[in-house]
Amino acid sequence: MYMRPVTAGDAERIAEIYNWYVLNTIITFETDVVSPQEMTKRIQENFINHDWLVGEVNQKVVGYAYYGPFRARAAYNHTVESTIYLSQGSMGKGFGRTLYAQLLQSVKDRGFREAIGVIALPNPQSIALHRAMGFAEVGVLKRVGYKFERYIDVGLWQLSVA
């Protein structure tokens, strides 16, 4: 897998990957599909102080990962929330681990100390990836999300990179 920084031209493919999760899973609490224009805006807003990376196989984006602010208050400036999505058919091939490792290196290189993974439950694949990357479960928020006519728990995972 070839990894590189995101470009504006990736927004359509990223939206395509993400929207599958929006429509078919509880993994994201978003309920409406995201347009490529909205995805471009999100990339641009987050790319100033943080990173978005894409992973390609045969010049096709098969996944993306990014991090952004954990919370808005200044006291949280050393902490980021990390996210990763892979296209269907790309899981279980090591792409997630490779892409996430590069992302976490960027977190460290930019001087952040803590990375937080927020995982809608159940999600055994994401839990396995976060464990493999060294994250530790630090808590569960009970029934904080509501999608597909049910309440959903959220696991919080933390990695110290400093």
N, C-alpha and C. Protein backbone atom coordinates (compact mmCIF):
# COMPACT_ATOMS: atom_id res chain seq x y z
N MET A 1 0.84 -1.17 0.00
CA MET A 1 0.00 0.00 0.00
C MET A 1 0.89 1.24 0.00
N TYR A 2 0.52 2.17 -0.84
CA TYR A 2 1.22 3.44 -0.93
C TYR A 2 0.43 4.46 -0.10
N MET A 3 1.12 5.19 0.77
CA MET A 3 0.47 6.20 1.60
C MET A 3 0.97 7.58 1.22
N ARG A 4 0.04 8.53 1.31
CA ARG A 4 0.39 9.91 0.97
C ARG A 4 -0.60 10.86 1.65
N PRO A 5 -0.25 12.14 1.72
CA PRO A 5 -1.21 13.12 2.24
C PRO A 5 -2.42 13.23 1.32
N VAL A 6 -3.55 13.53 1.90
CA VAL A 6 -4.78 13.70 1.14
C VAL A 6 -4.66 14.91 0.21
N THR A 7 -5.38 14.87 -0.89
CA THR A 7 -5.51 16.03 -1.78
C THR A 7 -7.00 16.31 -1.98
N ALA A 8 -7.31 17.48 -2.50
CA ALA A 8 -8.71 17.84 -2.76
C ALA A 8 -9.36 16.84 -3.72
N GLY A 9 -8.56 16.27 -4.60
CA GLY A 9 -9.08 15.31 -5.56
C GLY A 9 -9.51 13.98 -4.93
N ASP A 10 -9.16 13.76 -3.67
CA ASP A 10 -9.54 12.52 -2.98
C ASP A 10 -10.92 12.58 -2.34
N ALA A 11 -11.51 13.76 -2.27
CA ALA A 11 -12.75 13.94 -1.51
C ALA A 11 -13.88 13.04 -2.01
N GLU A 12 -14.00 12.88 -3.30
CA GLU A 12 -15.10 12.05 -3.82
C GLU A 12 -14.94 10.60 -3.39
N ARG A 13 -13.74 10.05 -3.50
CA ARG A 13 -13.51 8.66 -3.10
C ARG A 13 -13.64 8.50 -1.59
N ILE A 14 -13.15 9.47 -0.83
CA ILE A 14 -13.27 9.41 0.62
C ILE A 14 -14.75 9.44 1.02
N ALA A 15 -15.53 10.30 0.39
CA ALA A 15 -16.97 10.36 0.67
C ALA A 15 -17.63 9.03 0.32
N GLU A 16 -17.22 8.42 -0.76
CA GLU A 16 -17.78 7.12 -1.16
C GLU A 16 -17.49 6.05 -0.09
N ILE A 17 -16.25 5.99 0.37
CA ILE A 17 -15.90 5.03 1.42
C ILE A 17 -16.70 5.32 2.68
N TYR A 18 -16.72 6.56 3.11
CA TYR A 18 -17.38 6.95 4.35
C TYR A 18 -18.89 6.72 4.29
N ASN A 19 -19.49 7.07 3.17
CA ASN A 19 -20.95 6.97 3.07
C ASN A 19 -21.45 5.53 3.17
N TRP A 20 -20.64 4.56 2.80
CA TRP A 20 -21.05 3.18 3.01
C TRP A 20 -21.28 2.94 4.50
N TYR A 21 -20.38 3.45 5.33
CA TYR A 21 -20.50 3.30 6.78
C TYR A 21 -21.70 4.09 7.32
N VAL A 22 -21.93 5.27 6.77
CA VAL A 22 -23.08 6.08 7.19
C VAL A 22 -24.37 5.31 6.96
N LEU A 23 -24.51 4.72 5.80
CA LEU A 23 -25.76 4.07 5.42
C LEU A 23 -25.94 2.67 6.00
N ASN A 24 -24.85 2.00 6.33
CA ASN A 24 -24.95 0.57 6.65
C ASN A 24 -24.48 0.17 8.04
N THR A 25 -23.91 1.09 8.81
CA THR A 25 -23.33 0.68 10.10
C THR A 25 -23.60 1.72 11.19
N ILE A 26 -23.31 1.31 12.40
CA ILE A 26 -23.34 2.22 13.54
C ILE A 26 -21.97 2.82 13.80
N ILE A 27 -20.98 2.48 13.00
CA ILE A 27 -19.60 2.91 13.23
C ILE A 27 -19.49 4.42 13.25
N THR A 28 -20.24 5.10 12.42
CA THR A 28 -20.34 6.55 12.49
C THR A 28 -21.74 6.90 12.93
N PHE A 29 -21.87 7.94 13.73
CA PHE A 29 -23.19 8.37 14.16
C PHE A 29 -23.81 9.35 13.17
N GLU A 30 -23.11 9.63 12.10
CA GLU A 30 -23.70 10.45 11.05
C GLU A 30 -24.83 9.65 10.42
N THR A 31 -25.93 10.32 10.08
CA THR A 31 -27.08 9.61 9.52
C THR A 31 -27.39 10.00 8.08
N ASP A 32 -26.82 11.09 7.61
CA ASP A 32 -27.02 11.53 6.24
C ASP A 32 -25.71 11.43 5.48
N VAL A 33 -25.80 11.02 4.21
CA VAL A 33 -24.59 10.90 3.40
C VAL A 33 -23.90 12.27 3.29
N VAL A 34 -22.61 12.21 3.06
CA VAL A 34 -21.78 13.40 2.98
C VAL A 34 -21.39 13.61 1.52
N SER A 35 -21.63 14.79 1.00
CA SER A 35 -21.27 15.08 -0.38
C SER A 35 -19.76 15.25 -0.53
N PRO A 36 -19.24 15.06 -1.73
CA PRO A 36 -17.82 15.33 -1.94
C PRO A 36 -17.44 16.78 -1.59
N GLN A 37 -18.35 17.72 -1.80
CA GLN A 37 -18.08 19.12 -1.47
C GLN A 37 -17.94 19.28 0.04
N GLU A 38 -18.81 18.64 0.81
CA GLU A 38 -18.72 18.70 2.26
C GLU A 38 -17.45 18.02 2.75
N MET A 39 -17.08 16.91 2.11
CA MET A 39 -15.86 16.22 2.51
C MET A 39 -14.65 17.09 2.21
N THR A 40 -14.65 17.78 1.09
CA THR A 40 -13.56 18.72 0.77
C THR A 40 -13.44 19.77 1.87
N LYS A 41 -14.55 20.31 2.30
CA LYS A 41 -14.56 21.32 3.36
C LYS A 41 -13.97 20.74 4.65
N ARG A 42 -14.37 19.53 5.01
CA ARG A 42 -13.86 18.90 6.23
C ARG A 42 -12.35 18.67 6.15
N ILE A 43 -11.90 18.24 5.00
CA ILE A 43 -10.47 18.02 4.81
C ILE A 43 -9.71 19.34 4.97
N GLN A 44 -10.18 20.38 4.32
CA GLN A 44 -9.51 21.67 4.37
C GLN A 44 -9.49 22.25 5.78
N GLU A 45 -10.58 22.11 6.51
CA GLU A 45 -10.65 22.65 7.88
C GLU A 45 -9.69 21.92 8.82
N ASN A 46 -9.51 20.64 8.59
CA ASN A 46 -8.72 19.83 9.51
C ASN A 46 -7.25 19.75 9.12
N PHE A 47 -6.92 20.09 7.91
CA PHE A 47 -5.59 19.85 7.38
C PHE A 47 -4.58 20.92 7.80
N ILE A 48 -5.04 22.00 8.38
CA ILE A 48 -4.14 23.09 8.74
C ILE A 48 -3.16 22.67 9.83
N ASN A 49 -3.68 22.11 10.92
CA ASN A 49 -2.82 21.74 12.06
C ASN A 49 -2.74 20.24 12.30
N HIS A 50 -3.39 19.48 11.46
CA HIS A 50 -3.46 18.03 11.64
C HIS A 50 -3.27 17.35 10.29
N ASP A 51 -3.24 16.05 10.29
CA ASP A 51 -3.01 15.32 9.04
C ASP A 51 -4.19 14.45 8.62
N TRP A 52 -4.34 14.33 7.32
CA TRP A 52 -5.19 13.33 6.68
C TRP A 52 -4.25 12.53 5.77
N LEU A 53 -4.31 11.25 5.84
CA LEU A 53 -3.53 10.38 4.96
C LEU A 53 -4.47 9.47 4.20
N VAL A 54 -4.08 9.11 3.01
CA VAL A 54 -4.82 8.11 2.25
C VAL A 54 -3.88 6.96 1.92
N GLY A 55 -4.46 5.78 1.81
CA GLY A 55 -3.73 4.60 1.38
C GLY A 55 -4.26 4.16 0.03
N GLU A 56 -3.34 3.89 -0.87
CA GLU A 56 -3.72 3.48 -2.23
C GLU A 56 -3.17 2.09 -2.54
N VAL A 57 -3.94 1.37 -3.31
CA VAL A 57 -3.50 0.11 -3.90
C VAL A 57 -3.83 0.21 -5.38
N ASN A 58 -2.83 0.00 -6.21
CA ASN A 58 -3.01 0.14 -7.66
C ASN A 58 -3.63 1.50 -8.02
N GLN A 59 -3.15 2.54 -7.36
CA GLN A 59 -3.55 3.94 -7.59
C GLN A 59 -5.02 4.21 -7.28
N LYS A 60 -5.63 3.36 -6.45
CA LYS A 60 -7.00 3.60 -6.01
C LYS A 60 -7.01 3.71 -4.49
N VAL A 61 -7.64 4.77 -3.97
CA VAL A 61 -7.72 4.97 -2.53
C VAL A 61 -8.57 3.85 -1.93
N VAL A 62 -7.96 3.11 -0.99
CA VAL A 62 -8.67 2.01 -0.31
C VAL A 62 -8.95 2.34 1.15
N GLY A 63 -8.42 3.45 1.63
CA GLY A 63 -8.67 3.85 3.00
C GLY A 63 -8.09 5.21 3.28
N TYR A 64 -8.53 5.75 4.40
CA TYR A 64 -8.00 7.04 4.82
C TYR A 64 -8.01 7.10 6.34
N ALA A 65 -7.16 7.94 6.87
CA ALA A 65 -7.06 8.13 8.31
C ALA A 65 -6.73 9.59 8.56
N TYR A 66 -7.24 10.10 9.65
CA TYR A 66 -6.94 11.48 9.99
C TYR A 66 -7.05 11.67 11.49
N TYR A 67 -6.53 12.79 11.95
CA TYR A 67 -6.74 13.17 13.33
C TYR A 67 -7.06 14.66 13.38
N GLY A 68 -7.76 15.02 14.43
CA GLY A 68 -8.13 16.41 14.63
C GLY A 68 -8.25 16.68 16.12
N PRO A 69 -8.70 17.86 16.47
CA PRO A 69 -8.81 18.21 17.88
C PRO A 69 -9.72 17.23 18.62
N PHE A 70 -9.35 16.91 19.85
CA PHE A 70 -10.19 16.07 20.69
C PHE A 70 -11.35 16.89 21.25
N ARG A 71 -11.05 18.03 21.79
CA ARG A 71 -12.05 18.96 22.32
C ARG A 71 -11.53 20.36 22.03
N ALA A 72 -12.42 21.34 22.09
CA ALA A 72 -12.08 22.70 21.68
C ALA A 72 -11.30 23.51 22.72
N ARG A 73 -11.36 23.19 23.96
CA ARG A 73 -10.72 23.98 25.00
C ARG A 73 -9.19 23.90 24.90
N ALA A 74 -8.52 24.99 25.23
CA ALA A 74 -7.06 25.09 25.11
C ALA A 74 -6.33 24.01 25.90
N ALA A 75 -6.86 23.59 27.02
CA ALA A 75 -6.19 22.59 27.85
C ALA A 75 -6.07 21.24 27.14
N TYR A 76 -6.87 21.04 26.10
CA TYR A 76 -6.82 19.79 25.32
C TYR A 76 -5.89 19.87 24.11
N ASN A 77 -5.17 20.95 23.93
CA ASN A 77 -4.38 21.16 22.71
C ASN A 77 -3.35 20.07 22.45
N HIS A 78 -2.97 19.32 23.43
CA HIS A 78 -1.97 18.26 23.25
C HIS A 78 -2.60 16.91 22.89
N THR A 79 -3.93 16.88 22.81
CA THR A 79 -4.65 15.63 22.58
C THR A 79 -5.42 15.70 21.27
N VAL A 80 -5.40 14.60 20.51
CA VAL A 80 -6.13 14.54 19.25
C VAL A 80 -7.04 13.31 19.25
N GLU A 81 -8.06 13.37 18.40
CA GLU A 81 -8.91 12.20 18.15
C GLU A 81 -8.55 11.65 16.78
N SER A 82 -8.27 10.37 16.74
CA SER A 82 -7.86 9.73 15.48
C SER A 82 -9.00 8.90 14.90
N THR A 83 -9.00 8.79 13.58
CA THR A 83 -10.07 8.09 12.85
C THR A 83 -9.48 7.37 11.65
N ILE A 84 -10.04 6.21 11.35
CA ILE A 84 -9.62 5.47 10.16
C ILE A 84 -10.82 4.77 9.55
N TYR A 85 -10.87 4.77 8.22
CA TYR A 85 -11.90 4.05 7.48
C TYR A 85 -11.24 3.35 6.30
N LEU A 86 -11.64 2.11 6.09
CA LEU A 86 -11.18 1.34 4.94
C LEU A 86 -12.36 0.99 4.05
N SER A 87 -12.11 0.89 2.75
CA SER A 87 -13.17 0.49 1.83
C SER A 87 -13.52 -0.97 2.06
N GLN A 88 -14.71 -1.31 1.66
CA GLN A 88 -15.14 -2.70 1.78
C GLN A 88 -14.23 -3.56 0.91
N GLY A 89 -13.82 -4.70 1.41
CA GLY A 89 -12.91 -5.57 0.69
C GLY A 89 -11.44 -5.28 0.99
N SER A 90 -11.17 -4.21 1.74
CA SER A 90 -9.79 -3.85 2.06
C SER A 90 -9.39 -4.22 3.48
N MET A 91 -10.34 -4.73 4.24
CA MET A 91 -10.04 -5.07 5.63
C MET A 91 -9.39 -6.44 5.73
N GLY A 92 -8.61 -6.62 6.79
CA GLY A 92 -7.98 -7.91 7.02
C GLY A 92 -6.73 -8.14 6.18
N LYS A 93 -6.22 -7.10 5.55
CA LYS A 93 -5.04 -7.23 4.69
C LYS A 93 -3.84 -6.46 5.23
N GLY A 94 -3.98 -5.91 6.42
CA GLY A 94 -2.89 -5.14 7.01
C GLY A 94 -2.87 -3.67 6.63
N PHE A 95 -3.81 -3.25 5.78
CA PHE A 95 -3.84 -1.85 5.35
C PHE A 95 -4.12 -0.91 6.52
N GLY A 96 -5.06 -1.30 7.37
CA GLY A 96 -5.42 -0.45 8.50
C GLY A 96 -4.25 -0.23 9.43
N ARG A 97 -3.55 -1.28 9.75
CA ARG A 97 -2.41 -1.18 10.67
C ARG A 97 -1.31 -0.30 10.05
N THR A 98 -1.04 -0.48 8.78
CA THR A 98 -0.01 0.30 8.11
C THR A 98 -0.38 1.78 8.06
N LEU A 99 -1.61 2.06 7.69
CA LEU A 99 -2.08 3.44 7.58
C LEU A 99 -2.13 4.11 8.96
N TYR A 100 -2.64 3.38 9.95
CA TYR A 100 -2.75 3.95 11.30
C TYR A 100 -1.37 4.20 11.91
N ALA A 101 -0.42 3.31 11.66
CA ALA A 101 0.93 3.52 12.17
C ALA A 101 1.53 4.81 11.63
N GLN A 102 1.33 5.06 10.35
CA GLN A 102 1.84 6.30 9.75
C GLN A 102 1.14 7.52 10.35
N LEU A 103 -0.15 7.41 10.56
CA LEU A 103 -0.91 8.51 11.15
C LEU A 103 -0.41 8.81 12.56
N LEU A 104 -0.22 7.77 13.35
CA LEU A 104 0.24 7.96 14.73
C LEU A 104 1.65 8.53 14.79
N GLN A 105 2.47 8.21 13.81
CA GLN A 105 3.80 8.82 13.73
C GLN A 105 3.66 10.32 13.49
N SER A 106 2.71 10.70 12.65
CA SER A 106 2.46 12.12 12.40
C SER A 106 1.99 12.81 13.68
N VAL A 107 1.13 12.14 14.44
CA VAL A 107 0.66 12.71 15.71
C VAL A 107 1.87 13.04 16.59
N LYS A 108 2.78 12.09 16.70
CA LYS A 108 3.98 12.28 17.52
C LYS A 108 4.88 13.37 16.94
N ASP A 109 5.11 13.31 15.62
CA ASP A 109 6.00 14.28 14.97
C ASP A 109 5.51 15.71 15.12
N ARG A 110 4.21 15.90 15.18
CA ARG A 110 3.65 17.25 15.31
C ARG A 110 3.57 17.70 16.77
N GLY A 111 4.08 16.88 17.69
CA GLY A 111 4.19 17.30 19.07
C GLY A 111 2.98 17.05 19.95
N PHE A 112 2.02 16.29 19.45
CA PHE A 112 0.88 15.93 20.28
C PHE A 112 1.31 14.81 21.23
N ARG A 113 0.63 14.66 22.34
CA ARG A 113 1.00 13.67 23.36
C ARG A 113 0.04 12.48 23.42
N GLU A 114 -1.25 12.74 23.21
CA GLU A 114 -2.27 11.72 23.41
C GLU A 114 -3.16 11.60 22.19
N ALA A 115 -3.48 10.36 21.84
CA ALA A 115 -4.43 10.10 20.75
C ALA A 115 -5.61 9.33 21.36
N ILE A 116 -6.80 9.76 21.00
CA ILE A 116 -8.03 9.14 21.50
C ILE A 116 -8.76 8.50 20.32
N GLY A 117 -9.13 7.23 20.49
CA GLY A 117 -9.99 6.54 19.54
C GLY A 117 -11.37 6.43 20.15
N VAL A 118 -12.38 6.80 19.37
CA VAL A 118 -13.77 6.75 19.82
C VAL A 118 -14.47 5.70 18.97
N ILE A 119 -14.91 4.61 19.61
CA ILE A 119 -15.39 3.44 18.87
C ILE A 119 -16.84 3.12 19.26
N ALA A 120 -17.75 3.21 18.28
CA ALA A 120 -19.13 2.78 18.51
C ALA A 120 -19.11 1.26 18.72
N LEU A 121 -19.89 0.80 19.68
CA LEU A 121 -19.86 -0.61 20.06
C LEU A 121 -21.17 -1.32 19.69
N PRO A 122 -21.06 -2.54 19.22
CA PRO A 122 -19.85 -3.34 19.08
C PRO A 122 -19.11 -3.04 17.78
N ASN A 123 -17.82 -3.22 17.82
CA ASN A 123 -16.98 -3.05 16.63
C ASN A 123 -15.67 -3.81 16.86
N PRO A 124 -15.72 -5.14 16.79
CA PRO A 124 -14.54 -5.94 17.11
C PRO A 124 -13.33 -5.65 16.22
N GLN A 125 -13.55 -5.29 14.96
CA GLN A 125 -12.42 -5.01 14.08
C GLN A 125 -11.67 -3.75 14.52
N SER A 126 -12.40 -2.71 14.87
CA SER A 126 -11.76 -1.48 15.32
C SER A 126 -11.08 -1.68 16.67
N ILE A 127 -11.72 -2.43 17.55
CA ILE A 127 -11.10 -2.72 18.85
C ILE A 127 -9.79 -3.47 18.64
N ALA A 128 -9.80 -4.47 17.77
CA ALA A 128 -8.58 -5.24 17.50
C ALA A 128 -7.48 -4.35 16.93
N LEU A 129 -7.83 -3.45 16.02
CA LEU A 129 -6.84 -2.54 15.44
C LEU A 129 -6.27 -1.61 16.51
N HIS A 130 -7.13 -1.02 17.32
CA HIS A 130 -6.64 -0.11 18.36
C HIS A 130 -5.75 -0.85 19.35
N ARG A 131 -6.14 -2.05 19.74
CA ARG A 131 -5.29 -2.85 20.64
C ARG A 131 -3.93 -3.12 19.99
N ALA A 132 -3.95 -3.51 18.73
CA ALA A 132 -2.71 -3.83 18.02
C ALA A 132 -1.79 -2.61 17.92
N MET A 133 -2.38 -1.41 17.89
CA MET A 133 -1.60 -0.18 17.79
C MET A 133 -1.13 0.32 19.15
N GLY A 134 -1.54 -0.37 20.22
CA GLY A 134 -1.08 0.01 21.55
C GLY A 134 -2.05 0.84 22.36
N PHE A 135 -3.23 1.11 21.82
CA PHE A 135 -4.24 1.85 22.57
C PHE A 135 -4.75 0.99 23.73
N ALA A 136 -5.17 1.65 24.80
CA ALA A 136 -5.79 0.98 25.94
C ALA A 136 -7.20 1.51 26.10
N GLU A 137 -8.12 0.62 26.40
CA GLU A 137 -9.49 1.04 26.67
C GLU A 137 -9.52 1.81 27.99
N VAL A 138 -10.11 3.00 27.97
CA VAL A 138 -10.16 3.81 29.18
C VAL A 138 -11.58 4.07 29.66
N GLY A 139 -12.57 3.63 28.91
CA GLY A 139 -13.93 3.82 29.37
C GLY A 139 -14.96 3.52 28.32
N VAL A 140 -16.21 3.42 28.78
CA VAL A 140 -17.34 3.21 27.90
C VAL A 140 -18.43 4.19 28.29
N LEU A 141 -18.92 4.91 27.30
CA LEU A 141 -20.07 5.80 27.49
C LEU A 141 -21.31 5.01 27.08
N LYS A 142 -22.21 4.82 28.00
CA LYS A 142 -23.38 3.98 27.77
C LYS A 142 -24.50 4.74 27.05
N ARG A 143 -25.00 4.12 25.99
CA ARG A 143 -26.20 4.58 25.28
C ARG A 143 -26.15 6.07 24.90
N VAL A 144 -25.01 6.55 24.43
CA VAL A 144 -24.88 7.96 24.07
C VAL A 144 -25.25 8.25 22.62
N GLY A 145 -25.31 7.22 21.79
CA GLY A 145 -25.69 7.40 20.40
C GLY A 145 -27.01 6.71 20.11
N TYR A 146 -27.68 7.18 19.08
CA TYR A 146 -28.94 6.56 18.67
C TYR A 146 -28.97 6.52 17.15
N LYS A 147 -29.00 5.33 16.62
CA LYS A 147 -29.03 5.15 15.17
C LYS A 147 -29.68 3.81 14.88
N PHE A 148 -30.40 3.74 13.78
CA PHE A 148 -31.09 2.52 13.38
C PHE A 148 -32.00 1.99 14.49
N GLU A 149 -32.70 2.92 15.12
CA GLU A 149 -33.71 2.57 16.13
C GLU A 149 -33.15 1.89 17.37
N ARG A 150 -31.90 2.19 17.71
CA ARG A 150 -31.35 1.63 18.94
C ARG A 150 -30.28 2.55 19.53
N TYR A 151 -30.09 2.40 20.84
CA TYR A 151 -29.06 3.16 21.54
C TYR A 151 -27.73 2.42 21.46
N ILE A 152 -26.66 3.19 21.38
CA ILE A 152 -25.34 2.62 21.10
C ILE A 152 -24.34 3.13 22.13
N ASP A 153 -23.54 2.20 22.65
CA ASP A 153 -22.44 2.54 23.55
C ASP A 153 -21.23 2.98 22.73
N VAL A 154 -20.36 3.74 23.37
CA VAL A 154 -19.13 4.20 22.72
C VAL A 154 -17.95 3.90 23.63
N GLY A 155 -16.96 3.21 23.09
CA GLY A 155 -15.73 2.94 23.82
C GLY A 155 -14.70 4.03 23.57
N LEU A 156 -13.98 4.39 24.61
CA LEU A 156 -12.90 5.37 24.50
C LEU A 156 -11.57 4.65 24.69
N TRP A 157 -10.67 4.84 23.75
CA TRP A 157 -9.36 4.21 23.75
C TRP A 157 -8.31 5.30 23.68
N GLN A 158 -7.20 5.11 24.40
CA GLN A 158 -6.19 6.16 24.48
C GLN A 158 -4.79 5.58 24.27
N LEU A 159 -3.97 6.36 23.56
CA LEU A 159 -2.58 6.02 23.32
C LEU A 159 -1.71 7.23 23.63
N SER A 160 -0.70 7.06 24.49
CA SER A 160 0.27 8.11 24.73
C SER A 160 1.39 7.95 23.71
N VAL A 161 1.64 8.97 22.92
CA VAL A 161 2.66 8.89 21.86
C VAL A 161 3.93 9.64 22.22
N ALA A 162 3.88 10.45 23.27
CA ALA A 162 5.06 11.24 23.65
C ALA A 162 6.05 10.40 24.44
